[in-house]
C-alpha atoms as a PDB file:
ATOM      1  CA  MET A   1     -67.457  17.441 -24.844  1.00  0.00           C
ATOM      2  CA  PRO A   2     -64.417  16.697 -22.637  1.00  0.00           C
ATOM      3  CA  ARG A   3     -62.189  13.785 -23.499  1.00  0.00           C
ATOM      4  CA  LYS A   4     -62.507  10.677 -21.402  1.00  0.00           C
ATOM      5  CA  LEU A   5     -59.625   9.496 -19.288  1.00  0.00           C
ATOM      6  CA  SER A   6     -57.269   7.389 -21.367  1.00  0.00           C
ATOM      7  CA  ASP A   7     -56.847   3.690 -20.758  1.00  0.00           C
ATOM      8  CA  SER A   8     -54.007   3.640 -18.284  1.00  0.00           C
ATOM      9  CA  THR A   9     -53.470  -0.120 -18.452  1.00  0.00           C
ATOM     10  CA  ALA A  10     -51.200   0.346 -21.461  1.00  0.00           C
ATOM     11  CA  LEU A  11     -48.740   2.427 -19.453  1.00  0.00           C
ATOM     12  CA  PRO A  12     -46.043   1.117 -17.126  1.00  0.00           C
ATOM     13  CA  THR A  13     -46.983   1.355 -13.460  1.00  0.00           C
ATOM     14  CA  LEU A  14     -44.150   3.785 -12.731  1.00  0.00           C
ATOM     15  CA  VAL A  15     -45.446   6.194 -15.390  1.00  0.00           C
ATOM     16  CA  GLN A  16     -49.000   5.950 -14.045  1.00  0.00           C
ATOM     17  CA  GLU A  17     -47.790   6.646 -10.517  1.00  0.00           C
ATOM     18  CA  ARG A  18     -45.702   9.632 -11.642  1.00  0.00           C
ATOM     19  CA  LEU A  19     -48.644  11.194 -13.500  1.00  0.00           C
ATOM     20  CA  ILE A  20     -50.901  10.746 -10.476  1.00  0.00           C
ATOM     21  CA  ILE A  21     -48.265  12.350  -8.239  1.00  0.00           C
ATOM     22  CA  TRP A  22     -47.868  15.252 -10.678  1.00  0.00           C
ATOM     23  CA  GLY A  23     -51.655  15.689 -10.770  1.00  0.00           C
ATOM     24  CA  ARG A  24     -51.937  15.693  -6.983  1.00  0.00           C
ATOM     25  CA  SER A  25     -49.032  18.132  -6.772  1.00  0.00           C
ATOM     26  CA  ILE A  26     -50.678  20.486  -9.247  1.00  0.00           C
ATOM     27  CA  ARG A  27     -53.926  20.439  -7.279  1.00  0.00           C
ATOM     28  CA  THR A  28     -52.224  20.770  -3.877  1.00  0.00           C
ATOM     29  CA  GLN A  29     -50.042  23.674  -4.989  1.00  0.00           C
ATOM     30  CA  ARG A  30     -52.924  25.433  -6.734  1.00  0.00           C
ATOM     31  CA  LEU A  31     -55.008  25.228  -3.567  1.00  0.00           C
ATOM     32  CA  SER A  32     -52.145  26.210  -1.251  1.00  0.00           C
ATOM     33  CA  GLN A  33     -51.422  29.243  -3.430  1.00  0.00           C
ATOM     34  CA  ARG A  34     -55.161  30.037  -3.392  1.00  0.00           C
ATOM     35  CA  MET A  35     -55.241  30.057  -7.169  1.00  0.00           C
ATOM     36  CA  MET A  36     -58.683  29.647  -8.686  1.00  0.00           C
ATOM     37  CA  VAL A  37     -59.228  27.044 -11.394  1.00  0.00           C
ATOM     38  CA  ALA A  38     -60.212  29.758 -13.861  1.00  0.00           C
ATOM     39  CA  ASP A  39     -57.033  31.751 -13.136  1.00  0.00           C
ATOM     40  CA  LEU A  40     -54.689  28.810 -13.711  1.00  0.00           C
ATOM     41  CA  CYS A  41     -56.600  27.807 -16.833  1.00  0.00           C
ATOM     42  CA  ALA A  42     -56.348  31.337 -18.210  1.00  0.00           C
ATOM     43  CA  ARG A  43     -52.592  31.474 -17.567  1.00  0.00           C
ATOM     44  CA  MET A  44     -52.091  28.115 -19.246  1.00  0.00           C
ATOM     45  CA  GLY A  45     -54.573  28.647 -22.082  1.00  0.00           C
ATOM     46  CA  ILE A  46     -56.487  25.437 -21.330  1.00  0.00           C
ATOM     47  CA  SER A  47     -60.060  24.569 -20.416  1.00  0.00           C
ATOM     48  CA  GLU A  48     -61.254  23.695 -16.940  1.00  0.00           C
ATOM     49  CA  ALA A  49     -61.926  20.152 -18.153  1.00  0.00           C
ATOM     50  CA  THR A  50     -58.279  19.818 -19.161  1.00  0.00           C
ATOM     51  CA  LEU A  51     -57.121  21.046 -15.755  1.00  0.00           C
ATOM     52  CA  ARG A  52     -59.382  18.480 -14.090  1.00  0.00           C
ATOM     53  CA  ARG A  53     -57.762  15.803 -16.241  1.00  0.00           C
ATOM     54  CA  LEU A  54     -54.302  17.003 -15.197  1.00  0.00           C
ATOM     55  CA  GLU A  55     -55.217  16.962 -11.532  1.00  0.00           C
ATOM     56  CA  LEU A  56     -56.451  13.366 -11.907  1.00  0.00           C
ATOM     57  CA  GLY A  57     -53.188  12.271 -13.561  1.00  0.00           C
ATOM     58  CA  ASP A  58     -54.766  11.490 -16.938  1.00  0.00           C
ATOM     59  CA  PRO A  59     -52.140   9.937 -19.251  1.00  0.00           C
ATOM     60  CA  GLY A  60     -53.986  11.373 -22.264  1.00  0.00           C
ATOM     61  CA  ALA A  61     -53.058  14.939 -21.326  1.00  0.00           C
ATOM     62  CA  ALA A  62     -49.996  16.306 -23.091  1.00  0.00           C
ATOM     63  CA  ALA A  63     -46.691  16.195 -21.241  1.00  0.00           C
ATOM     64  CA  GLY A  64     -46.169  19.846 -22.110  1.00  0.00           C
ATOM     65  CA  THR A  65     -49.407  20.731 -20.367  1.00  0.00           C
ATOM     66  CA  TYR A  66     -48.301  18.972 -17.179  1.00  0.00           C
ATOM     67  CA  LEU A  67     -44.911  20.678 -17.281  1.00  0.00           C
ATOM     68  CA  THR A  68     -46.478  24.090 -17.949  1.00  0.00           C
ATOM     69  CA  ALA A  69     -48.717  23.712 -14.891  1.00  0.00           C
ATOM     70  CA  LEU A  70     -45.753  22.649 -12.766  1.00  0.00           C
ATOM     71  CA  LEU A  71     -43.737  25.641 -14.034  1.00  0.00           C
ATOM     72  CA  ILE A  72     -46.512  28.175 -13.382  1.00  0.00           C
ATOM     73  CA  LEU A  73     -46.965  26.798  -9.863  1.00  0.00           C
ATOM     74  CA  GLY A  74     -43.205  27.012  -9.241  1.00  0.00           C
ATOM     75  CA  ILE A  75     -42.579  23.311  -8.639  1.00  0.00           C
ATOM     76  CA  MET A  76     -41.230  22.101 -11.976  1.00  0.00           C
ATOM     77  CA  ASP A  77     -37.628  21.622 -10.841  1.00  0.00           C
ATOM     78  CA  ASP A  78     -38.815  19.591  -7.848  1.00  0.00           C
ATOM     79  CA  ALA A  79     -41.326  17.480  -9.798  1.00  0.00           C
ATOM     80  CA  ALA A  80     -39.258  17.000 -12.970  1.00  0.00           C
ATOM     81  CA  PRO A  81     -35.593  17.829 -12.351  1.00  0.00           C
ATOM     82  CA  PRO A  82     -33.406  18.593 -15.374  1.00  0.00           C
ATOM     83  CA  LEU A  83     -31.709  15.584 -16.938  1.00  0.00           C
ATOM     84  CA  ASP A  84     -27.977  15.092 -16.793  1.00  0.00           C
ATOM     85  CA  ALA A  85     -26.406  16.581 -19.930  1.00  0.00           C
ATOM     86  CA  ARG A  86     -24.759  13.238 -20.740  1.00  0.00           C
ATOM     87  CA  LEU A  87     -28.197  11.812 -21.522  1.00  0.00           C
ATOM     88  CA  TRP A  88     -29.078  14.308 -24.240  1.00  0.00           C
ATOM     89  CA  GLU A  89     -25.693  15.291 -25.631  1.00  0.00           C
ATOM     90  CA  GLY A  90     -25.176  11.843 -27.098  1.00  0.00           C
ATOM     91  CA  GLY A  91     -21.953   9.948 -27.429  1.00  0.00           C
ATOM     92  CA  THR A  92     -22.913   7.135 -25.071  1.00  0.00           C
ATOM     93  CA  ASN A  93     -24.406   4.793 -27.707  1.00  0.00           C
ATOM     94  CA  ARG A  94     -25.809   2.449 -25.087  1.00  0.00           C
ATOM     95  CA  ARG A  95     -28.187  -0.319 -26.144  1.00  0.00           C
ATOM     96  CA  VAL A  96     -30.511  -2.212 -23.919  1.00  0.00           C
ATOM     97  CA  ARG A  97     -29.668  -5.904 -23.895  1.00  0.00           C
ATOM     98  CA  HIS A  98     -32.449  -8.296 -23.152  1.00  0.00           C
ATOM     99  CA  GLY A  99     -31.811 -11.495 -21.276  1.00  0.00           C
ATOM    100  CA  ARG A 100     -32.693 -14.834 -22.826  1.00  0.00           C
ATOM    101  CA  GLN A 101     -35.924 -15.031 -20.833  1.00  0.00           C
ATOM    102  CA  GLU A 102     -37.122 -11.633 -22.089  1.00  0.00           C
ATOM    103  CA  ARG A 103     -36.527 -12.472 -25.744  1.00  0.00           C
ATOM    104  CA  GLY A 104     -39.202 -14.333 -27.596  1.00  0.00           C
ATOM    105  CA  PRO A 105     -38.515 -17.075 -30.118  1.00  0.00           C
ATOM    106  CA  ALA A 106     -38.742 -14.606 -33.022  1.00  0.00           C
ATOM    107  CA  ASP A 107     -36.135 -12.381 -31.397  1.00  0.00           C
ATOM    108  CA  ALA A 108     -33.540 -15.177 -31.286  1.00  0.00           C
ATOM    109  CA  ASP A 109     -32.907 -14.905 -35.025  1.00  0.00           C
ATOM    110  CA  TYR A 110     -32.824 -11.103 -34.979  1.00  0.00           C
ATOM    111  CA  PHE A 111     -30.059 -10.730 -32.402  1.00  0.00           C
END
């Protein structure tokens, strides 16, 4: 039995929108390349139900599955460009500072 769509209310709006855009892009590119659902599923090693979930932007689908579909369709660098090396090499040691309004009363003692 296929998994149900995950509850997307727990995700930030920007993440939800990005997943929906990725899903639409996967579907649009698959159709424009005249690739059958079964062919893409076979190349990715996933079920047709999983591909349907991807094309709907389901947040419960694995990020690797989304990126694999984007790579196979040739649009990964456009949809998810590589990150700047400074972000993953380390050395920046930046911390997010919350303003007074964002901190709760319990946080006041912690910081």
